Amino acid sequence: MIIGGKAGDKKETIYELADLAYHAMVLMVEMGITVEDVHKELASRHIIDHKVKQEKMTK
């Protein structure tokens, strides 16, 4: 995926991203992880990132 992206090879990057997504979804099913679980994690990171950005701007 990284090599395809760095080379600007859109077709290769799509192929590798699809492979990554497939394996991620298989693991999610095996472990009982939902899309909502992932969404909550990403949302919590946004809050942390926002606070860190605010702290950096006030220093």
N, C-alpha and C. Protein backbone atom coordinates (compact mmCIF):
# COMPACT_ATOMS: atom_id res chain seq x y z
N MET A 1 0.83 -1.18 0.00
CA MET A 1 0.00 0.00 0.00
C MET A 1 0.88 1.24 0.00
N ILE A 2 1.86 1.27 0.85
CA ILE A 2 2.74 2.43 0.94
C ILE A 2 3.55 2.59 -0.34
N ILE A 3 4.05 1.49 -0.86
CA ILE A 3 4.85 1.54 -2.09
C ILE A 3 3.99 2.04 -3.25
N GLY A 4 2.77 1.51 -3.37
CA GLY A 4 1.86 1.97 -4.42
C GLY A 4 1.54 3.44 -4.30
N GLY A 5 1.29 3.88 -3.07
CA GLY A 5 0.98 5.29 -2.84
C GLY A 5 2.16 6.19 -3.15
N LYS A 6 3.34 5.76 -2.70
CA LYS A 6 4.54 6.57 -2.92
C LYS A 6 4.86 6.67 -4.42
N ALA A 7 4.59 5.57 -5.15
CA ALA A 7 4.86 5.55 -6.59
C ALA A 7 3.78 6.27 -7.39
N GLY A 8 2.69 6.65 -6.70
CA GLY A 8 1.58 7.30 -7.39
C GLY A 8 0.78 6.34 -8.25
N ASP A 9 0.88 5.03 -7.93
CA ASP A 9 0.18 4.00 -8.69
C ASP A 9 -1.20 3.78 -8.07
N LYS A 10 -2.20 4.46 -8.62
CA LYS A 10 -3.55 4.41 -8.06
C LYS A 10 -4.11 2.99 -8.06
N LYS A 11 -3.95 2.26 -9.15
CA LYS A 11 -4.50 0.90 -9.24
C LYS A 11 -3.89 -0.02 -8.17
N GLU A 12 -2.58 0.04 -8.01
CA GLU A 12 -1.91 -0.78 -7.00
C GLU A 12 -2.34 -0.37 -5.59
N THR A 13 -2.46 0.92 -5.35
CA THR A 13 -2.87 1.40 -4.03
C THR A 13 -4.29 0.94 -3.71
N ILE A 14 -5.19 1.01 -4.66
CA ILE A 14 -6.56 0.53 -4.44
C ILE A 14 -6.55 -0.96 -4.13
N TYR A 15 -5.78 -1.72 -4.89
CA TYR A 15 -5.68 -3.17 -4.67
C TYR A 15 -5.21 -3.47 -3.24
N GLU A 16 -4.15 -2.79 -2.82
CA GLU A 16 -3.60 -3.03 -1.49
C GLU A 16 -4.53 -2.54 -0.37
N LEU A 17 -5.20 -1.41 -0.59
CA LEU A 17 -6.17 -0.91 0.39
C LEU A 17 -7.33 -1.90 0.55
N ALA A 18 -7.78 -2.47 -0.56
CA ALA A 18 -8.86 -3.46 -0.50
C ALA A 18 -8.41 -4.68 0.29
N ASP A 19 -7.17 -5.10 0.10
CA ASP A 19 -6.64 -6.24 0.83
C ASP A 19 -6.57 -5.94 2.33
N LEU A 20 -6.10 -4.74 2.66
CA LEU A 20 -6.04 -4.33 4.06
C LEU A 20 -7.43 -4.29 4.69
N ALA A 21 -8.39 -3.70 3.96
CA ALA A 21 -9.76 -3.61 4.48
C ALA A 21 -10.35 -5.00 4.71
N TYR A 22 -10.12 -5.90 3.76
CA TYR A 22 -10.63 -7.27 3.90
C TYR A 22 -10.09 -7.93 5.17
N HIS A 23 -8.79 -7.86 5.35
CA HIS A 23 -8.18 -8.51 6.52
C HIS A 23 -8.61 -7.83 7.83
N ALA A 24 -8.78 -6.52 7.80
CA ALA A 24 -9.27 -5.82 8.98
C ALA A 24 -10.68 -6.27 9.33
N MET A 25 -11.54 -6.41 8.31
CA MET A 25 -12.92 -6.83 8.57
C MET A 25 -12.99 -8.27 9.09
N VAL A 26 -12.14 -9.14 8.56
CA VAL A 26 -12.10 -10.52 9.05
C VAL A 26 -11.72 -10.53 10.53
N LEU A 27 -10.70 -9.76 10.88
CA LEU A 27 -10.26 -9.68 12.28
C LEU A 27 -11.35 -9.09 13.16
N MET A 28 -12.04 -8.08 12.66
CA MET A 28 -13.14 -7.48 13.43
C MET A 28 -14.22 -8.51 13.74
N VAL A 29 -14.59 -9.30 12.76
CA VAL A 29 -15.62 -10.33 12.97
C VAL A 29 -15.12 -11.36 13.99
N GLU A 30 -13.89 -11.81 13.83
CA GLU A 30 -13.33 -12.81 14.74
C GLU A 30 -13.30 -12.33 16.19
N MET A 31 -13.06 -11.04 16.39
CA MET A 31 -12.93 -10.49 17.73
C MET A 31 -14.19 -9.81 18.24
N GLY A 32 -15.24 -9.79 17.43
CA GLY A 32 -16.48 -9.16 17.85
C GLY A 32 -16.38 -7.64 17.93
N ILE A 33 -15.56 -7.05 17.09
CA ILE A 33 -15.40 -5.60 17.07
C ILE A 33 -16.35 -5.03 16.02
N THR A 34 -17.10 -4.01 16.39
CA THR A 34 -18.06 -3.41 15.46
C THR A 34 -17.48 -2.14 14.85
N VAL A 35 -18.11 -1.70 13.78
CA VAL A 35 -17.73 -0.43 13.18
C VAL A 35 -17.95 0.70 14.19
N GLU A 36 -18.98 0.57 15.00
CA GLU A 36 -19.24 1.57 16.04
C GLU A 36 -18.09 1.62 17.05
N ASP A 37 -17.52 0.47 17.40
CA ASP A 37 -16.35 0.45 18.30
C ASP A 37 -15.21 1.28 17.72
N VAL A 38 -14.95 1.09 16.44
CA VAL A 38 -13.88 1.81 15.76
C VAL A 38 -14.22 3.30 15.68
N HIS A 39 -15.47 3.60 15.39
CA HIS A 39 -15.91 4.99 15.30
C HIS A 39 -15.71 5.70 16.64
N LYS A 40 -16.07 5.03 17.73
CA LYS A 40 -15.89 5.63 19.07
C LYS A 40 -14.42 5.90 19.35
N GLU A 41 -13.56 4.96 18.96
CA GLU A 41 -12.12 5.15 19.17
C GLU A 41 -11.62 6.37 18.39
N LEU A 42 -12.03 6.47 17.14
CA LEU A 42 -11.61 7.62 16.33
C LEU A 42 -12.15 8.93 16.90
N ALA A 43 -13.38 8.90 17.38
CA ALA A 43 -13.97 10.10 17.97
C ALA A 43 -13.20 10.53 19.22
N SER A 44 -12.77 9.55 20.03
CA SER A 44 -12.03 9.90 21.24
C SER A 44 -10.66 10.48 20.89
N ARG A 45 -10.07 10.02 19.81
CA ARG A 45 -8.79 10.58 19.38
C ARG A 45 -8.95 12.01 18.90
N HIS A 46 -10.05 12.30 18.25
CA HIS A 46 -10.30 13.67 17.77
C HIS A 46 -10.34 14.63 18.95
N ILE A 47 -10.98 14.23 20.01
CA ILE A 47 -11.07 15.08 21.21
C ILE A 47 -9.68 15.31 21.78
N ILE A 48 -8.89 14.25 21.86
CA ILE A 48 -7.53 14.38 22.39
C ILE A 48 -6.70 15.27 21.47
N ASP A 49 -6.78 15.03 20.17
CA ASP A 49 -6.03 15.85 19.21
C ASP A 49 -6.42 17.31 19.32
N HIS A 50 -7.71 17.58 19.48
CA HIS A 50 -8.19 18.96 19.58
C HIS A 50 -7.63 19.63 20.82
N LYS A 51 -7.60 18.91 21.95
CA LYS A 51 -7.06 19.47 23.19
C LYS A 51 -5.57 19.73 23.06
N VAL A 52 -4.85 18.81 22.44
CA VAL A 52 -3.41 18.99 22.26
C VAL A 52 -3.14 20.20 21.37
N LYS A 53 -3.91 20.34 20.30
CA LYS A 53 -3.73 21.49 19.42
C LYS A 53 -4.00 22.79 20.16
N GLN A 54 -5.05 22.80 21.00
CA GLN A 54 -5.36 24.01 21.76
C GLN A 54 -4.23 24.34 22.72
N GLU A 55 -3.68 23.31 23.38
CA GLU A 55 -2.58 23.55 24.33
C GLU A 55 -1.36 24.10 23.62
N LYS A 56 -1.06 23.59 22.45
CA LYS A 56 0.10 24.06 21.70
C LYS A 56 -0.09 25.51 21.26
N MET A 57 -1.32 25.86 20.92
CA MET A 57 -1.59 27.22 20.44
C MET A 57 -1.51 28.25 21.56
N THR A 58 -1.76 27.83 22.81
CA THR A 58 -1.75 28.78 23.93
C THR A 58 -0.37 28.91 24.57
N LYS A 59 0.57 28.08 24.16
CA LYS A 59 1.92 28.15 24.76
C LYS A 59 2.80 29.11 24.01
